[in-house]
Amino acid sequence: MPELEDFEGAWLLTRRIDDRLTGQVLRLTGRAVFAPDDAGLVYDETGRLELPGQAPAVATRRYLWRAGVAGIEVFFEDGRFFHALGPGDRPEARHDCAPDLYRVRYDFAAWPCWSSRWDVHGPRKNYAMESEYRPES
């Protein structure tokens, strides 16, 4: 698995979201930037989200990535813990947000290209989200 500092910079991002409840497929194209701060990296994502039958929307996200004891720890923008990436080319993690359960598997085997796949289940959520990243330059 790459070290935290290996993520620094800009990445081209493509995402597919398979909403199992509605049967719709949503797509996002954009970029993710990992910028250094005092404690690690700030992940800022901006993209164009295409929803079936609707005008495209701008989507944004922000996370905090930090070096942890056993790998990389990811936090929400407000500092709450989200999940941790352990060692290896394909680390897995989970986030319990009752009543929903989020499971993720990262794939760094083709570094510097990498991906993440989220499977989310809950009473009002049931989707798979696959994101692919490649260096911008």
N, C-alpha and C. Protein backbone atom coordinates (compact mmCIF):
# COMPACT_ATOMS: atom_id res chain seq x y z
N MET A 1 0.84 -1.18 0.00
CA MET A 1 0.00 0.00 0.00
C MET A 1 0.88 1.25 0.00
N PRO A 2 0.49 2.26 -0.75
CA PRO A 2 1.27 3.50 -0.76
C PRO A 2 1.28 4.17 0.61
N GLU A 3 2.29 4.99 0.84
CA GLU A 3 2.35 5.80 2.06
C GLU A 3 1.44 7.01 1.88
N LEU A 4 1.09 7.64 2.98
CA LEU A 4 0.19 8.80 2.94
C LEU A 4 0.69 9.86 1.96
N GLU A 5 1.96 10.20 2.02
CA GLU A 5 2.49 11.28 1.17
C GLU A 5 2.44 10.94 -0.32
N ASP A 6 2.33 9.65 -0.67
CA ASP A 6 2.25 9.25 -2.07
C ASP A 6 0.96 9.72 -2.74
N PHE A 7 -0.06 10.03 -1.95
CA PHE A 7 -1.34 10.47 -2.50
C PHE A 7 -1.36 11.96 -2.84
N GLU A 8 -0.39 12.71 -2.32
CA GLU A 8 -0.40 14.17 -2.52
C GLU A 8 -0.44 14.52 -4.00
N GLY A 9 -1.30 15.48 -4.34
CA GLY A 9 -1.42 15.93 -5.73
C GLY A 9 -2.84 15.78 -6.23
N ALA A 10 -2.98 15.94 -7.56
CA ALA A 10 -4.30 15.90 -8.20
C ALA A 10 -4.51 14.58 -8.94
N TRP A 11 -5.73 14.09 -8.85
CA TRP A 11 -6.11 12.82 -9.46
C TRP A 11 -7.37 13.01 -10.29
N LEU A 12 -7.42 12.36 -11.45
CA LEU A 12 -8.65 12.31 -12.23
C LEU A 12 -9.52 11.22 -11.64
N LEU A 13 -10.79 11.49 -11.54
CA LEU A 13 -11.72 10.60 -10.84
C LEU A 13 -12.90 10.26 -11.73
N THR A 14 -13.22 8.98 -11.81
CA THR A 14 -14.48 8.53 -12.42
C THR A 14 -15.17 7.63 -11.41
N ARG A 15 -16.50 7.74 -11.36
CA ARG A 15 -17.25 6.97 -10.36
C ARG A 15 -18.55 6.47 -10.98
N ARG A 16 -18.92 5.28 -10.59
CA ARG A 16 -20.20 4.68 -10.96
C ARG A 16 -20.90 4.27 -9.68
N ILE A 17 -22.15 4.67 -9.56
CA ILE A 17 -22.96 4.32 -8.39
C ILE A 17 -24.16 3.52 -8.88
N ASP A 18 -24.23 2.28 -8.46
CA ASP A 18 -25.37 1.41 -8.80
C ASP A 18 -26.34 1.42 -7.63
N ASP A 19 -27.44 2.14 -7.80
CA ASP A 19 -28.46 2.22 -6.76
C ASP A 19 -29.38 1.01 -6.91
N ARG A 20 -29.24 0.07 -6.00
CA ARG A 20 -30.01 -1.17 -6.09
C ARG A 20 -31.48 -0.97 -5.73
N LEU A 21 -31.81 0.09 -5.03
CA LEU A 21 -33.20 0.35 -4.66
C LEU A 21 -33.99 0.90 -5.84
N THR A 22 -33.40 1.79 -6.61
CA THR A 22 -34.12 2.41 -7.73
C THR A 22 -33.78 1.78 -9.07
N GLY A 23 -32.69 1.01 -9.12
CA GLY A 23 -32.25 0.44 -10.38
C GLY A 23 -31.52 1.44 -11.26
N GLN A 24 -31.23 2.61 -10.74
CA GLN A 24 -30.54 3.64 -11.50
C GLN A 24 -29.02 3.52 -11.37
N VAL A 25 -28.34 4.01 -12.41
CA VAL A 25 -26.88 4.11 -12.39
C VAL A 25 -26.53 5.58 -12.49
N LEU A 26 -25.78 6.07 -11.52
CA LEU A 26 -25.31 7.45 -11.50
C LEU A 26 -23.83 7.45 -11.85
N ARG A 27 -23.38 8.51 -12.50
CA ARG A 27 -21.97 8.60 -12.89
C ARG A 27 -21.42 9.96 -12.49
N LEU A 28 -20.16 9.93 -12.07
CA LEU A 28 -19.48 11.16 -11.70
C LEU A 28 -18.13 11.19 -12.40
N THR A 29 -17.78 12.34 -12.95
CA THR A 29 -16.44 12.57 -13.47
C THR A 29 -15.92 13.85 -12.83
N GLY A 30 -14.67 13.84 -12.43
CA GLY A 30 -14.13 15.02 -11.79
C GLY A 30 -12.69 14.82 -11.40
N ARG A 31 -12.34 15.47 -10.30
CA ARG A 31 -10.96 15.36 -9.82
C ARG A 31 -10.95 15.37 -8.30
N ALA A 32 -9.92 14.76 -7.77
CA ALA A 32 -9.68 14.74 -6.33
C ALA A 32 -8.28 15.30 -6.10
N VAL A 33 -8.18 16.17 -5.12
CA VAL A 33 -6.89 16.77 -4.79
C VAL A 33 -6.57 16.46 -3.34
N PHE A 34 -5.39 15.90 -3.12
CA PHE A 34 -4.86 15.68 -1.78
C PHE A 34 -3.85 16.78 -1.51
N ALA A 35 -4.18 17.69 -0.59
CA ALA A 35 -3.30 18.81 -0.27
C ALA A 35 -2.81 18.69 1.17
N PRO A 36 -1.54 18.99 1.41
CA PRO A 36 -1.02 18.87 2.77
C PRO A 36 -1.61 19.92 3.71
N ASP A 37 -1.80 19.51 4.96
CA ASP A 37 -2.13 20.43 6.04
C ASP A 37 -1.22 20.08 7.21
N ASP A 38 -1.45 20.65 8.37
CA ASP A 38 -0.55 20.44 9.51
C ASP A 38 -0.53 19.00 10.02
N ALA A 39 -1.59 18.23 9.74
CA ALA A 39 -1.70 16.89 10.32
C ALA A 39 -1.64 15.76 9.30
N GLY A 40 -1.60 16.07 8.02
CA GLY A 40 -1.60 15.03 6.99
C GLY A 40 -2.03 15.60 5.66
N LEU A 41 -3.08 15.03 5.08
CA LEU A 41 -3.60 15.49 3.80
C LEU A 41 -5.09 15.78 3.91
N VAL A 42 -5.53 16.77 3.16
CA VAL A 42 -6.94 17.08 3.01
C VAL A 42 -7.36 16.60 1.62
N TYR A 43 -8.40 15.77 1.57
CA TYR A 43 -8.92 15.24 0.31
C TYR A 43 -10.11 16.11 -0.09
N ASP A 44 -10.00 16.79 -1.23
CA ASP A 44 -11.11 17.58 -1.77
C ASP A 44 -11.49 17.02 -3.12
N GLU A 45 -12.76 16.71 -3.26
CA GLU A 45 -13.27 16.12 -4.49
C GLU A 45 -14.34 17.03 -5.07
N THR A 46 -14.27 17.24 -6.38
CA THR A 46 -15.29 18.00 -7.10
C THR A 46 -15.58 17.26 -8.39
N GLY A 47 -16.85 17.10 -8.70
CA GLY A 47 -17.19 16.39 -9.91
C GLY A 47 -18.55 16.74 -10.44
N ARG A 48 -18.80 16.28 -11.64
CA ARG A 48 -20.09 16.45 -12.31
C ARG A 48 -20.84 15.13 -12.14
N LEU A 49 -21.95 15.19 -11.43
CA LEU A 49 -22.76 14.00 -11.15
C LEU A 49 -23.93 13.95 -12.12
N GLU A 50 -24.01 12.86 -12.86
CA GLU A 50 -25.09 12.67 -13.83
C GLU A 50 -26.11 11.70 -13.25
N LEU A 51 -27.35 12.20 -13.12
CA LEU A 51 -28.46 11.43 -12.59
C LEU A 51 -29.46 11.18 -13.72
N PRO A 52 -29.94 9.97 -13.90
CA PRO A 52 -30.87 9.69 -14.99
C PRO A 52 -32.10 10.61 -14.92
N GLY A 53 -32.41 11.24 -16.06
CA GLY A 53 -33.60 12.07 -16.15
C GLY A 53 -33.50 13.43 -15.49
N GLN A 54 -32.31 13.81 -15.03
CA GLN A 54 -32.13 15.10 -14.37
C GLN A 54 -30.93 15.83 -14.95
N ALA A 55 -30.91 17.13 -14.72
CA ALA A 55 -29.74 17.91 -15.14
C ALA A 55 -28.54 17.51 -14.29
N PRO A 56 -27.34 17.53 -14.86
CA PRO A 56 -26.14 17.22 -14.07
C PRO A 56 -26.02 18.17 -12.88
N ALA A 57 -25.40 17.67 -11.82
CA ALA A 57 -25.20 18.47 -10.61
C ALA A 57 -23.71 18.47 -10.26
N VAL A 58 -23.29 19.47 -9.53
CA VAL A 58 -21.93 19.52 -9.01
C VAL A 58 -21.92 18.82 -7.65
N ALA A 59 -21.00 17.90 -7.48
CA ALA A 59 -20.87 17.16 -6.22
C ALA A 59 -19.49 17.43 -5.62
N THR A 60 -19.45 17.61 -4.31
CA THR A 60 -18.18 17.84 -3.63
C THR A 60 -18.12 16.99 -2.37
N ARG A 61 -16.90 16.67 -1.94
CA ARG A 61 -16.63 15.95 -0.70
C ARG A 61 -15.30 16.43 -0.14
N ARG A 62 -15.18 16.29 1.18
CA ARG A 62 -13.91 16.60 1.82
C ARG A 62 -13.69 15.60 2.95
N TYR A 63 -12.48 15.03 2.97
CA TYR A 63 -12.08 14.13 4.05
C TYR A 63 -10.68 14.52 4.51
N LEU A 64 -10.32 14.06 5.68
CA LEU A 64 -8.99 14.27 6.22
C LEU A 64 -8.29 12.92 6.26
N TRP A 65 -7.14 12.81 5.64
CA TRP A 65 -6.35 11.59 5.62
C TRP A 65 -5.15 11.80 6.53
N ARG A 66 -4.93 10.85 7.44
CA ARG A 66 -3.87 10.98 8.44
C ARG A 66 -3.06 9.69 8.51
N ALA A 67 -1.77 9.81 8.83
CA ALA A 67 -0.95 8.63 9.07
C ALA A 67 -1.35 8.06 10.43
N GLY A 68 -1.67 6.77 10.46
CA GLY A 68 -2.05 6.10 11.70
C GLY A 68 -1.03 5.05 12.08
N VAL A 69 -1.24 4.42 13.19
CA VAL A 69 -0.32 3.40 13.69
C VAL A 69 -0.24 2.22 12.71
N ALA A 70 -1.38 1.80 12.19
CA ALA A 70 -1.40 0.61 11.33
C ALA A 70 -1.64 0.93 9.86
N GLY A 71 -1.57 2.20 9.47
CA GLY A 71 -1.83 2.56 8.08
C GLY A 71 -2.34 3.98 7.98
N ILE A 72 -3.30 4.18 7.11
CA ILE A 72 -3.88 5.50 6.90
C ILE A 72 -5.26 5.55 7.55
N GLU A 73 -5.51 6.61 8.30
CA GLU A 73 -6.82 6.81 8.92
C GLU A 73 -7.53 7.93 8.18
N VAL A 74 -8.81 7.72 7.90
CA VAL A 74 -9.62 8.69 7.18
C VAL A 74 -10.67 9.24 8.13
N PHE A 75 -10.80 10.56 8.15
CA PHE A 75 -11.75 11.24 9.02
C PHE A 75 -12.70 12.09 8.19
N PHE A 76 -13.89 12.30 8.71
CA PHE A 76 -14.80 13.25 8.09
C PHE A 76 -14.21 14.66 8.26
N GLU A 77 -14.73 15.59 7.51
CA GLU A 77 -14.24 16.97 7.56
C GLU A 77 -14.32 17.56 8.96
N ASP A 78 -15.31 17.13 9.76
CA ASP A 78 -15.46 17.67 11.12
C ASP A 78 -14.58 16.97 12.15
N GLY A 79 -13.74 16.02 11.69
CA GLY A 79 -12.80 15.35 12.58
C GLY A 79 -13.27 14.02 13.13
N ARG A 80 -14.51 13.60 12.86
CA ARG A 80 -14.99 12.29 13.31
C ARG A 80 -14.31 11.19 12.49
N PHE A 81 -13.96 10.10 13.16
CA PHE A 81 -13.31 8.97 12.49
C PHE A 81 -14.27 8.34 11.48
N PHE A 82 -13.73 7.99 10.29
CA PHE A 82 -14.52 7.34 9.25
C PHE A 82 -14.09 5.88 9.11
N HIS A 83 -12.84 5.65 8.71
CA HIS A 83 -12.32 4.29 8.59
C HIS A 83 -10.80 4.33 8.46
N ALA A 84 -10.17 3.16 8.52
CA ALA A 84 -8.72 3.06 8.41
C ALA A 84 -8.35 2.09 7.31
N LEU A 85 -7.28 2.40 6.59
CA LEU A 85 -6.75 1.53 5.56
C LEU A 85 -5.54 0.82 6.14
N GLY A 86 -5.62 -0.49 6.22
CA GLY A 86 -4.50 -1.28 6.72
C GLY A 86 -3.50 -1.55 5.61
N PRO A 87 -2.49 -2.33 5.91
CA PRO A 87 -1.45 -2.62 4.92
C PRO A 87 -1.96 -3.55 3.81
N GLY A 88 -1.21 -3.60 2.72
CA GLY A 88 -1.52 -4.51 1.62
C GLY A 88 -2.02 -3.77 0.39
N ASP A 89 -2.07 -4.50 -0.73
CA ASP A 89 -2.52 -3.92 -1.99
C ASP A 89 -4.04 -3.75 -2.05
N ARG A 90 -4.78 -4.50 -1.23
CA ARG A 90 -6.25 -4.46 -1.29
C ARG A 90 -6.86 -4.40 0.11
N PRO A 91 -6.58 -3.33 0.85
CA PRO A 91 -7.12 -3.25 2.21
C PRO A 91 -8.64 -3.06 2.21
N GLU A 92 -9.26 -3.61 3.25
CA GLU A 92 -10.71 -3.48 3.43
C GLU A 92 -10.99 -2.80 4.76
N ALA A 93 -12.13 -2.11 4.80
CA ALA A 93 -12.53 -1.43 6.03
C ALA A 93 -14.05 -1.36 6.06
N ARG A 94 -14.57 -0.94 7.21
CA ARG A 94 -16.01 -0.77 7.35
C ARG A 94 -16.29 0.42 8.24
N HIS A 95 -17.49 0.97 8.06
CA HIS A 95 -17.94 2.08 8.88
C HIS A 95 -19.40 1.80 9.24
N ASP A 96 -19.64 1.67 10.54
CA ASP A 96 -21.01 1.47 11.02
C ASP A 96 -21.62 2.84 11.31
N CYS A 97 -22.68 3.14 10.62
CA CYS A 97 -23.41 4.39 10.84
C CYS A 97 -24.87 3.97 10.97
N ALA A 98 -25.19 3.42 12.14
CA ALA A 98 -26.50 2.81 12.35
C ALA A 98 -27.62 3.72 11.87
N PRO A 99 -28.53 3.16 11.11
CA PRO A 99 -28.70 1.74 10.81
C PRO A 99 -27.99 1.27 9.55
N ASP A 100 -27.10 2.08 9.00
CA ASP A 100 -26.43 1.72 7.74
C ASP A 100 -25.04 1.14 8.00
N LEU A 101 -24.61 0.27 7.11
CA LEU A 101 -23.28 -0.32 7.16
C LEU A 101 -22.58 -0.04 5.84
N TYR A 102 -21.39 0.53 5.94
CA TYR A 102 -20.56 0.86 4.79
C TYR A 102 -19.33 -0.05 4.82
N ARG A 103 -19.08 -0.74 3.71
CA ARG A 103 -17.89 -1.58 3.57
C ARG A 103 -17.13 -1.11 2.34
N VAL A 104 -15.80 -1.02 2.49
CA VAL A 104 -14.99 -0.55 1.38
C VAL A 104 -13.81 -1.49 1.15
N ARG A 105 -13.44 -1.60 -0.11
CA ARG A 105 -12.22 -2.32 -0.48
C ARG A 105 -11.45 -1.42 -1.44
N TYR A 106 -10.23 -1.11 -1.06
CA TYR A 106 -9.34 -0.33 -1.91
C TYR A 106 -8.50 -1.30 -2.74
N ASP A 107 -8.05 -0.84 -3.90
CA ASP A 107 -7.18 -1.65 -4.73
C ASP A 107 -6.03 -0.78 -5.23
N PHE A 108 -4.83 -1.05 -4.71
CA PHE A 108 -3.62 -0.31 -5.08
C PHE A 108 -2.67 -1.15 -5.94
N ALA A 109 -3.13 -2.30 -6.43
CA ALA A 109 -2.25 -3.23 -7.14
C ALA A 109 -1.66 -2.63 -8.42
N ALA A 110 -2.35 -1.66 -9.05
CA ALA A 110 -1.86 -1.04 -10.29
C ALA A 110 -1.36 0.38 -10.04
N TRP A 111 -0.87 0.64 -8.82
CA TRP A 111 -0.40 1.98 -8.45
C TRP A 111 0.52 2.55 -9.52
N PRO A 112 0.37 3.82 -9.93
CA PRO A 112 -0.35 4.88 -9.26
C PRO A 112 -1.83 4.98 -9.60
N CYS A 113 -2.36 4.12 -10.42
CA CYS A 113 -3.80 4.06 -10.59
C CYS A 113 -4.37 3.20 -9.47
N TRP A 114 -5.51 3.62 -8.91
CA TRP A 114 -6.08 2.89 -7.79
C TRP A 114 -7.59 3.08 -7.79
N SER A 115 -8.28 2.29 -6.97
CA SER A 115 -9.73 2.36 -6.93
C SER A 115 -10.24 2.04 -5.53
N SER A 116 -11.50 2.38 -5.33
CA SER A 116 -12.21 1.98 -4.11
C SER A 116 -13.59 1.52 -4.52
N ARG A 117 -14.10 0.53 -3.80
CA ARG A 117 -15.46 0.03 -4.03
C ARG A 117 -16.19 -0.02 -2.69
N TRP A 118 -17.26 0.73 -2.61
CA TRP A 118 -18.10 0.78 -1.42
C TRP A 118 -19.36 -0.02 -1.66
N ASP A 119 -19.74 -0.83 -0.68
CA ASP A 119 -21.04 -1.50 -0.65
C ASP A 119 -21.75 -0.98 0.58
N VAL A 120 -22.92 -0.40 0.37
CA VAL A 120 -23.66 0.25 1.44
C VAL A 120 -25.04 -0.40 1.56
N HIS A 121 -25.37 -0.79 2.80
CA HIS A 121 -26.66 -1.43 3.06
C HIS A 121 -27.29 -0.80 4.29
N GLY A 122 -28.59 -0.58 4.21
CA GLY A 122 -29.36 -0.06 5.32
C GLY A 122 -30.82 -0.05 4.94
N PRO A 123 -31.68 0.38 5.83
CA PRO A 123 -33.11 0.35 5.53
C PRO A 123 -33.51 1.23 4.35
N ARG A 124 -32.77 2.31 4.12
CA ARG A 124 -33.09 3.22 3.01
C ARG A 124 -31.95 3.33 2.00
N LYS A 125 -30.90 2.52 2.17
CA LYS A 125 -29.75 2.58 1.28
C LYS A 125 -29.35 1.17 0.85
N ASN A 126 -29.05 1.05 -0.43
CA ASN A 126 -28.54 -0.21 -0.95
C ASN A 126 -27.86 0.11 -2.27
N TYR A 127 -26.56 0.37 -2.21
CA TYR A 127 -25.86 0.73 -3.44
C TYR A 127 -24.41 0.26 -3.40
N ALA A 128 -23.85 0.18 -4.61
CA ALA A 128 -22.42 -0.08 -4.78
C ALA A 128 -21.84 1.14 -5.49
N MET A 129 -20.70 1.59 -5.00
CA MET A 129 -20.06 2.77 -5.58
C MET A 129 -18.61 2.45 -5.86
N GLU A 130 -18.23 2.52 -7.13
CA GLU A 130 -16.86 2.23 -7.53
C GLU A 130 -16.22 3.49 -8.07
N SER A 131 -15.08 3.85 -7.49
CA SER A 131 -14.34 5.05 -7.89
C SER A 131 -12.96 4.64 -8.39
N GLU A 132 -12.55 5.22 -9.51
CA GLU A 132 -11.23 4.97 -10.07
C GLU A 132 -10.46 6.27 -10.13
N TYR A 133 -9.19 6.20 -9.73
CA TYR A 133 -8.33 7.36 -9.66
C TYR A 133 -7.09 7.12 -10.51
N ARG A 134 -6.66 8.16 -11.22
CA ARG A 134 -5.39 8.10 -11.94
C ARG A 134 -4.73 9.47 -11.85
N PRO A 135 -3.42 9.52 -11.83
CA PRO A 135 -2.75 10.81 -11.69
C PRO A 135 -3.20 11.77 -12.79
N GLU A 136 -3.35 13.04 -12.41
CA GLU A 136 -3.82 14.04 -13.38
C GLU A 136 -2.76 14.33 -14.44
N SER A 137 -1.50 14.27 -14.08
CA SER A 137 -0.47 14.59 -15.08
C SER A 137 0.51 13.45 -15.23
